[in-house]
Amino acid sequence: MIESDATRLRKIKAVGGVLVSHNAGEFWAVFDRESTLIIDGVEARVPVLEARSCDVVDLPKETVLDVSDNPKLGVPGGQFRIKRHEPGGTGWTIVILKR
């Protein structure tokens, strides 16, 4: 079953999504301040966003993102830069961030 963008946006907001702003606009995403990923064969704890691919696919590396706080989940936001994108092939993309 294929999800619409509206359905994806409702899901993001339902799980405590955060508003993310950048120089060309804004989008909603799920933010994890310390996600555990395997990067170059090493386990690392890095901040990540999970967002609709259509919202992040055109954002280049080093784009500055302002991530809003998520009081619902007790997660503070902040300012981050895009390190890289990892498209999932399902309409969702993981965006690996750095401070």
PDB file of N, CA and C in Angstrom:
ATOM      1  N   MET A   1       0.837  -1.181   0.000  1.00  0.00           N
ATOM      2  CA  MET A   1       0.000   0.000   0.000  1.00  0.00           C
ATOM      3  C   MET A   1       0.881   1.244   0.000  1.00  0.00           C
ATOM      4  N   ILE A   2       0.584   2.172  -0.856  1.00  0.00           N
ATOM      5  CA  ILE A   2       1.374   3.393  -0.975  1.00  0.00           C
ATOM      6  C   ILE A   2       0.754   4.479  -0.105  1.00  0.00           C
ATOM      7  N   GLU A   3       1.600   5.121   0.703  1.00  0.00           N
ATOM      8  CA  GLU A   3       1.133   6.209   1.570  1.00  0.00           C
ATOM      9  C   GLU A   3       1.178   7.527   0.812  1.00  0.00           C
ATOM     10  N   SER A   4       0.246   8.390   1.113  1.00  0.00           N
ATOM     11  CA  SER A   4       0.290   9.737   0.546  1.00  0.00           C
ATOM     12  C   SER A   4       1.184  10.600   1.425  1.00  0.00           C
ATOM     13  N   ASP A   5       1.622  11.742   0.908  1.00  0.00           N
ATOM     14  CA  ASP A   5       2.423  12.669   1.708  1.00  0.00           C
ATOM     15  C   ASP A   5       1.630  13.169   2.913  1.00  0.00           C
ATOM     16  N   ALA A   6       0.335  13.360   2.757  1.00  0.00           N
ATOM     17  CA  ALA A   6      -0.500  13.827   3.870  1.00  0.00           C
ATOM     18  C   ALA A   6      -0.530  12.788   4.990  1.00  0.00           C
ATOM     19  N   THR A   7      -0.598  11.507   4.618  1.00  0.00           N
ATOM     20  CA  THR A   7      -0.589  10.438   5.616  1.00  0.00           C
ATOM     21  C   THR A   7       0.740  10.407   6.341  1.00  0.00           C
ATOM     22  N   ARG A   8       1.832  10.549   5.619  1.00  0.00           N
ATOM     23  CA  ARG A   8       3.163  10.553   6.244  1.00  0.00           C
ATOM     24  C   ARG A   8       3.296  11.721   7.216  1.00  0.00           C
ATOM     25  N   LEU A   9       2.803  12.882   6.821  1.00  0.00           N
ATOM     26  CA  LEU A   9       2.889  14.053   7.692  1.00  0.00           C
ATOM     27  C   LEU A   9       2.080  13.847   8.969  1.00  0.00           C
ATOM     28  N   ARG A  10       0.896  13.267   8.860  1.00  0.00           N
ATOM     29  CA  ARG A  10       0.094  12.967  10.058  1.00  0.00           C
ATOM     30  C   ARG A  10       0.834  12.008  10.979  1.00  0.00           C
ATOM     31  N   LYS A  11       1.497  11.008  10.417  1.00  0.00           N
ATOM     32  CA  LYS A  11       2.248  10.044  11.223  1.00  0.00           C
ATOM     33  C   LYS A  11       3.417  10.725  11.945  1.00  0.00           C
ATOM     34  N   ILE A  12       4.117  11.600  11.259  1.00  0.00           N
ATOM     35  CA  ILE A  12       5.238  12.323  11.871  1.00  0.00           C
ATOM     36  C   ILE A  12       4.746  13.135  13.066  1.00  0.00           C
ATOM     37  N   LYS A  13       3.673  13.854  12.885  1.00  0.00           N
ATOM     38  CA  LYS A  13       3.137  14.680  13.970  1.00  0.00           C
ATOM     39  C   LYS A  13       2.614  13.818  15.110  1.00  0.00           C
ATOM     40  N   ALA A  14       2.028  12.670  14.793  1.00  0.00           N
ATOM     41  CA  ALA A  14       1.448  11.796  15.815  1.00  0.00           C
ATOM     42  C   ALA A  14       2.500  11.205  16.750  1.00  0.00           C
ATOM     43  N   VAL A  15       3.705  10.995  16.258  1.00  0.00           N
ATOM     44  CA  VAL A  15       4.763  10.418  17.094  1.00  0.00           C
ATOM     45  C   VAL A  15       5.660  11.485  17.711  1.00  0.00           C
ATOM     46  N   GLY A  16       5.185  12.729  17.715  1.00  0.00           N
ATOM     47  CA  GLY A  16       5.954  13.799  18.352  1.00  0.00           C
ATOM     48  C   GLY A  16       6.967  14.434  17.431  1.00  0.00           C
ATOM     49  N   GLY A  17       6.630  14.538  16.162  1.00  0.00           N
ATOM     50  CA  GLY A  17       7.536  15.161  15.198  1.00  0.00           C
ATOM     51  C   GLY A  17       7.873  16.601  15.568  1.00  0.00           C
ATOM     52  N   VAL A  18       8.960  17.082  15.010  1.00  0.00           N
ATOM     53  CA  VAL A  18       9.422  18.445  15.275  1.00  0.00           C
ATOM     54  C   VAL A  18       9.462  19.236  13.976  1.00  0.00           C
ATOM     55  N   LEU A  19       9.331  20.534  14.125  1.00  0.00           N
ATOM     56  CA  LEU A  19       9.445  21.420  12.972  1.00  0.00           C
ATOM     57  C   LEU A  19      10.920  21.725  12.749  1.00  0.00           C
ATOM     58  N   VAL A  20      11.364  21.575  11.512  1.00  0.00           N
ATOM     59  CA  VAL A  20      12.757  21.821  11.143  1.00  0.00           C
ATOM     60  C   VAL A  20      12.769  22.960  10.127  1.00  0.00           C
ATOM     61  N   SER A  21      13.556  23.991  10.413  1.00  0.00           N
ATOM     62  CA  SER A  21      13.648  25.149   9.527  1.00  0.00           C
ATOM     63  C   SER A  21      15.026  25.209   8.879  1.00  0.00           C
ATOM     64  N   HIS A  22      15.063  25.733   7.671  1.00  0.00           N
ATOM     65  CA  HIS A  22      16.335  25.957   6.965  1.00  0.00           C
ATOM     66  C   HIS A  22      16.164  27.191   6.103  1.00  0.00           C
ATOM     67  N   ASN A  23      17.224  27.592   5.409  1.00  0.00           N
ATOM     68  CA  ASN A  23      17.193  28.856   4.673  1.00  0.00           C
ATOM     69  C   ASN A  23      16.166  28.912   3.551  1.00  0.00           C
ATOM     70  N   ALA A  24      15.659  27.764   3.100  1.00  0.00           N
ATOM     71  CA  ALA A  24      14.691  27.758   1.998  1.00  0.00           C
ATOM     72  C   ALA A  24      13.285  27.356   2.434  1.00  0.00           C
ATOM     73  N   GLY A  25      13.073  27.123   3.726  1.00  0.00           N
ATOM     74  CA  GLY A  25      11.735  26.740   4.163  1.00  0.00           C
ATOM     75  C   GLY A  25      11.745  25.932   5.440  1.00  0.00           C
ATOM     76  N   GLU A  26      10.766  25.038   5.562  1.00  0.00           N
ATOM     77  CA  GLU A  26      10.656  24.202   6.758  1.00  0.00           C
ATOM     78  C   GLU A  26       9.934  22.910   6.416  1.00  0.00           C
ATOM     79  N   PHE A  27      10.088  21.921   7.303  1.00  0.00           N
ATOM     80  CA  PHE A  27       9.416  20.631   7.147  1.00  0.00           C
ATOM     81  C   PHE A  27       9.303  19.986   8.522  1.00  0.00           C
ATOM     82  N   TRP A  28       8.499  18.934   8.614  1.00  0.00           N
ATOM     83  CA  TRP A  28       8.322  18.173   9.860  1.00  0.00           C
ATOM     84  C   TRP A  28       9.124  16.887   9.759  1.00  0.00           C
ATOM     85  N   ALA A  29       9.708  16.467  10.895  1.00  0.00           N
ATOM     86  CA  ALA A  29      10.505  15.240  10.922  1.00  0.00           C
ATOM     87  C   ALA A  29      10.490  14.642  12.321  1.00  0.00           C
ATOM     88  N   VAL A  30      10.901  13.401  12.410  1.00  0.00           N
ATOM     89  CA  VAL A  30      11.113  12.758  13.701  1.00  0.00           C
ATOM     90  C   VAL A  30      12.594  12.936  14.020  1.00  0.00           C
ATOM     91  N   PHE A  31      12.885  13.466  15.207  1.00  0.00           N
ATOM     92  CA  PHE A  31      14.255  13.790  15.591  1.00  0.00           C
ATOM     93  C   PHE A  31      14.715  12.867  16.707  1.00  0.00           C
ATOM     94  N   ASP A  32      15.886  12.303  16.545  1.00  0.00           N
ATOM     95  CA  ASP A  32      16.508  11.486  17.581  1.00  0.00           C
ATOM     96  C   ASP A  32      17.879  12.080  17.843  1.00  0.00           C
ATOM     97  N   ARG A  33      18.047  12.641  19.017  1.00  0.00           N
ATOM     98  CA  ARG A  33      19.282  13.342  19.360  1.00  0.00           C
ATOM     99  C   ARG A  33      20.485  12.411  19.450  1.00  0.00           C
ATOM    100  N   GLU A  34      20.279  11.140  19.793  1.00  0.00           N
ATOM    101  CA  GLU A  34      21.390  10.208  19.936  1.00  0.00           C
ATOM    102  C   GLU A  34      21.026   8.841  19.360  1.00  0.00           C
ATOM    103  N   SER A  35      20.844   8.782  18.083  1.00  0.00           N
ATOM    104  CA  SER A  35      20.534   7.511  17.433  1.00  0.00           C
ATOM    105  C   SER A  35      21.809   6.687  17.305  1.00  0.00           C
ATOM    106  N   THR A  36      21.691   5.385  17.470  1.00  0.00           N
ATOM    107  CA  THR A  36      22.850   4.508  17.323  1.00  0.00           C
ATOM    108  C   THR A  36      22.869   3.964  15.903  1.00  0.00           C
ATOM    109  N   LEU A  37      23.943   4.263  15.180  1.00  0.00           N
ATOM    110  CA  LEU A  37      24.106   3.807  13.800  1.00  0.00           C
ATOM    111  C   LEU A  37      25.483   3.188  13.639  1.00  0.00           C
ATOM    112  N   ILE A  38      25.623   2.360  12.621  1.00  0.00           N
ATOM    113  CA  ILE A  38      26.939   1.842  12.241  1.00  0.00           C
ATOM    114  C   ILE A  38      27.435   2.738  11.111  1.00  0.00           C
ATOM    115  N   ILE A  39      28.510   3.457  11.380  1.00  0.00           N
ATOM    116  CA  ILE A  39      29.073   4.370  10.384  1.00  0.00           C
ATOM    117  C   ILE A  39      30.499   3.927  10.090  1.00  0.00           C
ATOM    118  N   ASP A  40      30.746   3.562   8.843  1.00  0.00           N
ATOM    119  CA  ASP A  40      32.066   3.074   8.426  1.00  0.00           C
ATOM    120  C   ASP A  40      32.539   1.927   9.319  1.00  0.00           C
ATOM    121  N   GLY A  41      31.625   1.021   9.686  1.00  0.00           N
ATOM    122  CA  GLY A  41      31.963  -0.146  10.476  1.00  0.00           C
ATOM    123  C   GLY A  41      32.098   0.088  11.970  1.00  0.00           C
ATOM    124  N   VAL A  42      31.816   1.311  12.424  1.00  0.00           N
ATOM    125  CA  VAL A  42      31.944   1.645  13.845  1.00  0.00           C
ATOM    126  C   VAL A  42      30.597   2.114  14.370  1.00  0.00           C
ATOM    127  N   GLU A  43      30.212   1.599  15.546  1.00  0.00           N
ATOM    128  CA  GLU A  43      28.961   2.040  16.148  1.00  0.00           C
ATOM    129  C   GLU A  43      29.136   3.465  16.664  1.00  0.00           C
ATOM    130  N   ALA A  44      28.206   4.326  16.304  1.00  0.00           N
ATOM    131  CA  ALA A  44      28.293   5.729  16.725  1.00  0.00           C
ATOM    132  C   ALA A  44      26.917   6.213  17.168  1.00  0.00           C
ATOM    133  N   ARG A  45      26.927   7.168  18.083  1.00  0.00           N
ATOM    134  CA  ARG A  45      25.674   7.799  18.521  1.00  0.00           C
ATOM    135  C   ARG A  45      25.665   9.198  17.927  1.00  0.00           C
ATOM    136  N   VAL A  46      24.740   9.399  16.996  1.00  0.00           N
ATOM    137  CA  VAL A  46      24.682  10.659  16.265  1.00  0.00           C
ATOM    138  C   VAL A  46      23.243  11.168  16.210  1.00  0.00           C
ATOM    139  N   PRO A  47      23.068  12.482  16.060  1.00  0.00           N
ATOM    140  CA  PRO A  47      21.718  13.008  15.870  1.00  0.00           C
ATOM    141  C   PRO A  47      21.226  12.711  14.457  1.00  0.00           C
ATOM    142  N   VAL A  48      19.960  12.316  14.344  1.00  0.00           N
ATOM    143  CA  VAL A  48      19.373  12.036  13.033  1.00  0.00           C
ATOM    144  C   VAL A  48      17.947  12.572  12.965  1.00  0.00           C
ATOM    145  N   LEU A  49      17.522  12.806  11.745  1.00  0.00           N
ATOM    146  CA  LEU A  49      16.132  13.118  11.441  1.00  0.00           C
ATOM    147  C   LEU A  49      15.606  12.016  10.543  1.00  0.00           C
ATOM    148  N   GLU A  50      14.349  11.644  10.727  1.00  0.00           N
ATOM    149  CA  GLU A  50      13.667  10.782   9.775  1.00  0.00           C
ATOM    150  C   GLU A  50      12.554  11.626   9.187  1.00  0.00           C
ATOM    151  N   ALA A  51      12.622  11.836   7.872  1.00  0.00           N
ATOM    152  CA  ALA A  51      11.706  12.770   7.219  1.00  0.00           C
ATOM    153  C   ALA A  51      11.209  12.197   5.896  1.00  0.00           C
ATOM    154  N   ARG A  52      10.154  12.825   5.390  1.00  0.00           N
ATOM    155  CA  ARG A  52       9.675  12.457   4.067  1.00  0.00           C
ATOM    156  C   ARG A  52      10.781  12.804   3.074  1.00  0.00           C
ATOM    157  N   SER A  53      11.079  11.906   2.184  1.00  0.00           N
ATOM    158  CA  SER A  53      12.148  12.138   1.203  1.00  0.00           C
ATOM    159  C   SER A  53      11.929  13.411   0.405  1.00  0.00           C
ATOM    160  N   CYS A  54      10.675  13.688   0.058  1.00  0.00           N
ATOM    161  CA  CYS A  54      10.376  14.879  -0.742  1.00  0.00           C
ATOM    162  C   CYS A  54      10.757  16.171  -0.014  1.00  0.00           C
ATOM    163  N   ASP A  55      10.852  16.126   1.327  1.00  0.00           N
ATOM    164  CA  ASP A  55      11.205  17.318   2.096  1.00  0.00           C
ATOM    165  C   ASP A  55      12.699  17.555   2.192  1.00  0.00           C
ATOM    166  N   VAL A  56      13.506  16.499   2.016  1.00  0.00           N
ATOM    167  CA  VAL A  56      14.944  16.640   2.271  1.00  0.00           C
ATOM    168  C   VAL A  56      15.849  16.293   1.096  1.00  0.00           C
ATOM    169  N   VAL A  57      15.305  15.710   0.063  1.00  0.00           N
ATOM    170  CA  VAL A  57      16.132  15.210  -1.039  1.00  0.00           C
ATOM    171  C   VAL A  57      16.971  16.323  -1.690  1.00  0.00           C
ATOM    172  N   ASP A  58      16.469  17.538  -1.747  1.00  0.00           N
ATOM    173  CA  ASP A  58      17.192  18.626  -2.412  1.00  0.00           C
ATOM    174  C   ASP A  58      18.074  19.443  -1.482  1.00  0.00           C
ATOM    175  N   LEU A  59      18.136  19.069  -0.206  1.00  0.00           N
ATOM    176  CA  LEU A  59      18.975  19.810   0.739  1.00  0.00           C
ATOM    177  C   LEU A  59      20.405  19.271   0.677  1.00  0.00           C
ATOM    178  N   PRO A  60      21.368  20.109   0.304  1.00  0.00           N
ATOM    179  CA  PRO A  60      22.745  19.624   0.181  1.00  0.00           C
ATOM    180  C   PRO A  60      23.425  19.430   1.542  1.00  0.00           C
ATOM    181  N   LYS A  61      24.535  18.703   1.516  1.00  0.00           N
ATOM    182  CA  LYS A  61      25.362  18.550   2.712  1.00  0.00           C
ATOM    183  C   LYS A  61      25.722  19.928   3.231  1.00  0.00           C
ATOM    184  N   GLU A  62      25.902  20.014   4.537  1.00  0.00           N
ATOM    185  CA  GLU A  62      26.286  21.237   5.242  1.00  0.00           C
ATOM    186  C   GLU A  62      25.152  22.264   5.369  1.00  0.00           C
ATOM    187  N   THR A  63      23.947  21.945   4.858  1.00  0.00           N
ATOM    188  CA  THR A  63      22.812  22.840   5.073  1.00  0.00           C
ATOM    189  C   THR A  63      22.567  22.951   6.572  1.00  0.00           C
ATOM    190  N   VAL A  64      22.374  24.177   7.056  1.00  0.00           N
ATOM    191  CA  VAL A  64      22.099  24.404   8.471  1.00  0.00           C
ATOM    192  C   VAL A  64      20.614  24.191   8.718  1.00  0.00           C
ATOM    193  N   LEU A  65      20.302  23.357   9.717  1.00  0.00           N
ATOM    194  CA  LEU A  65      18.920  23.074  10.095  1.00  0.00           C
ATOM    195  C   LEU A  65      18.695  23.509  11.536  1.00  0.00           C
ATOM    196  N   ASP A  66      17.607  24.217  11.771  1.00  0.00           N
ATOM    197  CA  ASP A  66      17.188  24.575  13.119  1.00  0.00           C
ATOM    198  C   ASP A  66      16.068  23.626  13.515  1.00  0.00           C
ATOM    199  N   VAL A  67      16.358  22.749  14.462  1.00  0.00           N
ATOM    200  CA  VAL A  67      15.406  21.729  14.907  1.00  0.00           C
ATOM    201  C   VAL A  67      14.719  22.235  16.171  1.00  0.00           C
ATOM    202  N   SER A  68      13.386  22.274  16.152  1.00  0.00           N
ATOM    203  CA  SER A  68      12.653  22.764  17.319  1.00  0.00           C
ATOM    204  C   SER A  68      12.711  21.747  18.454  1.00  0.00           C
ATOM    205  N   ASP A  69      12.529  22.234  19.672  1.00  0.00           N
ATOM    206  CA  ASP A  69      12.456  21.354  20.843  1.00  0.00           C
ATOM    207  C   ASP A  69      11.214  20.485  20.730  1.00  0.00           C
ATOM    208  N   ASN A  70      11.248  19.329  21.380  1.00  0.00           N
ATOM    209  CA  ASN A  70      10.083  18.460  21.437  1.00  0.00           C
ATOM    210  C   ASN A  70       9.735  18.214  22.903  1.00  0.00           C
ATOM    211  N   PRO A  71       8.952  19.135  23.505  1.00  0.00           N
ATOM    212  CA  PRO A  71       8.615  18.971  24.909  1.00  0.00           C
ATOM    213  C   PRO A  71       7.809  17.702  25.184  1.00  0.00           C
ATOM    214  N   LYS A  72       7.046  17.232  24.189  1.00  0.00           N
ATOM    215  CA  LYS A  72       6.241  16.013  24.352  1.00  0.00           C
ATOM    216  C   LYS A  72       7.121  14.808  24.684  1.00  0.00           C
ATOM    217  N   LEU A  73       8.294  14.751  24.063  1.00  0.00           N
ATOM    218  CA  LEU A  73       9.214  13.639  24.291  1.00  0.00           C
ATOM    219  C   LEU A  73      10.409  14.056  25.148  1.00  0.00           C
ATOM    220  N   GLY A  74      10.459  15.333  25.550  1.00  0.00           N
ATOM    221  CA  GLY A  74      11.567  15.809  26.360  1.00  0.00           C
ATOM    222  C   GLY A  74      12.883  15.870  25.609  1.00  0.00           C
ATOM    223  N   VAL A  75      12.819  16.152  24.305  1.00  0.00           N
ATOM    224  CA  VAL A  75      14.026  16.186  23.481  1.00  0.00           C
ATOM    225  C   VAL A  75      14.334  17.628  23.077  1.00  0.00           C
ATOM    226  N   PRO A  76      15.481  18.153  23.533  1.00  0.00           N
ATOM    227  CA  PRO A  76      15.844  19.508  23.113  1.00  0.00           C
ATOM    228  C   PRO A  76      16.326  19.509  21.666  1.00  0.00           C
ATOM    229  N   GLY A  77      15.999  20.559  20.952  1.00  0.00           N
ATOM    230  CA  GLY A  77      16.435  20.696  19.565  1.00  0.00           C
ATOM    231  C   GLY A  77      17.784  21.379  19.496  1.00  0.00           C
ATOM    232  N   GLY A  78      17.946  22.215  18.505  1.00  0.00           N
ATOM    233  CA  GLY A  78      19.200  22.947  18.344  1.00  0.00           C
ATOM    234  C   GLY A  78      19.510  23.146  16.882  1.00  0.00           C
ATOM    235  N   GLN A  79      20.702  23.636  16.643  1.00  0.00           N
ATOM    236  CA  GLN A  79      21.141  23.882  15.272  1.00  0.00           C
ATOM    237  C   GLN A  79      22.128  22.787  14.861  1.00  0.00           C
ATOM    238  N   PHE A  80      21.891  22.212  13.690  1.00  0.00           N
ATOM    239  CA  PHE A  80      22.709  21.121  13.178  1.00  0.00           C
ATOM    240  C   PHE A  80      23.000  21.364  11.704  1.00  0.00           C
ATOM    241  N   ARG A  81      23.971  20.618  11.176  1.00  0.00           N
ATOM    242  CA  ARG A  81      24.274  20.620   9.743  1.00  0.00           C
ATOM    243  C   ARG A  81      24.045  19.209   9.201  1.00  0.00           C
ATOM    244  N   ILE A  82      23.668  19.135   7.939  1.00  0.00           N
ATOM    245  CA  ILE A  82      23.477  17.833   7.300  1.00  0.00           C
ATOM    246  C   ILE A  82      24.836  17.226   6.986  1.00  0.00           C
ATOM    247  N   LYS A  83      25.026  16.007   7.477  1.00  0.00           N
ATOM    248  CA  LYS A  83      26.250  15.264   7.164  1.00  0.00           C
ATOM    249  C   LYS A  83      26.034  14.424   5.911  1.00  0.00           C
ATOM    250  N   ARG A  84      24.889  13.695   5.881  1.00  0.00           N
ATOM    251  CA  ARG A  84      24.542  12.925   4.676  1.00  0.00           C
ATOM    252  C   ARG A  84      23.103  12.430   4.770  1.00  0.00           C
ATOM    253  N   HIS A  85      22.582  11.993   3.618  1.00  0.00           N
ATOM    254  CA  HIS A  85      21.230  11.435   3.508  1.00  0.00           C
ATOM    255  C   HIS A  85      21.332   9.934   3.298  1.00  0.00           C
ATOM    256  N   GLU A  86      20.373   9.198   3.847  1.00  0.00           N
ATOM    257  CA  GLU A  86      20.271   7.761   3.593  1.00  0.00           C
ATOM    258  C   GLU A  86      18.834   7.438   3.206  1.00  0.00           C
ATOM    259  N   PRO A  87      18.503   7.566   1.897  1.00  0.00           N
ATOM    260  CA  PRO A  87      17.144   7.269   1.444  1.00  0.00           C
ATOM    261  C   PRO A  87      16.802   5.802   1.700  1.00  0.00           C
ATOM    262  N   GLY A  88      15.572   5.583   2.158  1.00  0.00           N
ATOM    263  CA  GLY A  88      15.147   4.221   2.466  1.00  0.00           C
ATOM    264  C   GLY A  88      14.431   3.524   1.328  1.00  0.00           C
ATOM    265  N   GLY A  89      14.130   4.249   0.251  1.00  0.00           N
ATOM    266  CA  GLY A  89      13.426   3.648  -0.871  1.00  0.00           C
ATOM    267  C   GLY A  89      11.939   3.476  -0.624  1.00  0.00           C
ATOM    268  N   THR A  90      11.442   4.051   0.482  1.00  0.00           N
ATOM    269  CA  THR A  90      10.032   3.912   0.842  1.00  0.00           C
ATOM    270  C   THR A  90       9.334   5.260   0.950  1.00  0.00           C
ATOM    271  N   GLY A  91      10.015   6.320   0.533  1.00  0.00           N
ATOM    272  CA  GLY A  91       9.463   7.655   0.695  1.00  0.00           C
ATOM    273  C   GLY A  91       9.965   8.345   1.958  1.00  0.00           C
ATOM    274  N   TRP A  92      10.768   7.627   2.754  1.00  0.00           N
ATOM    275  CA  TRP A  92      11.373   8.162   3.979  1.00  0.00           C
ATOM    276  C   TRP A  92      12.884   8.213   3.795  1.00  0.00           C
ATOM    277  N   THR A  93      13.503   9.221   4.399  1.00  0.00           N
ATOM    278  CA  THR A  93      14.967   9.347   4.354  1.00  0.00           C
ATOM    279  C   THR A  93      15.485   9.623   5.754  1.00  0.00           C
ATOM    280  N   ILE A  94      16.591   8.971   6.111  1.00  0.00           N
ATOM    281  CA  ILE A  94      17.299   9.271   7.346  1.00  0.00           C
ATOM    282  C   ILE A  94      18.336  10.333   6.998  1.00  0.00           C
ATOM    283  N   VAL A  95      18.322  11.422   7.745  1.00  0.00           N
ATOM    284  CA  VAL A  95      19.298  12.496   7.543  1.00  0.00           C
ATOM    285  C   VAL A  95      20.236  12.476   8.752  1.00  0.00           C
ATOM    286  N   ILE A  96      21.490  12.145   8.502  1.00  0.00           N
ATOM    287  CA  ILE A  96      22.478  12.116   9.574  1.00  0.00           C
ATOM    288  C   ILE A  96      23.000  13.540   9.753  1.00  0.00           C
ATOM    289  N   LEU A  97      23.005  13.975  11.000  1.00  0.00           N
ATOM    290  CA  LEU A  97      23.353  15.355  11.323  1.00  0.00           C
ATOM    291  C   LEU A  97      24.673  15.436  12.073  1.00  0.00           C
ATOM    292  N   LYS A  98      25.201  16.641  12.151  1.00  0.00           N
ATOM    293  CA  LYS A  98      26.350  16.926  13.012  1.00  0.00           C
ATOM    294  C   LYS A  98      26.147  18.303  13.602  1.00  0.00           C
ATOM    295  N   ARG A  99      26.783  18.547  14.722  1.00  0.00           N
ATOM    296  CA  ARG A  99      26.697  19.855  15.392  1.00  0.00           C
ATOM    297  C   ARG A  99      27.446  20.893  14.628  1.00  0.00           C
TER     298      ARG A  99
END
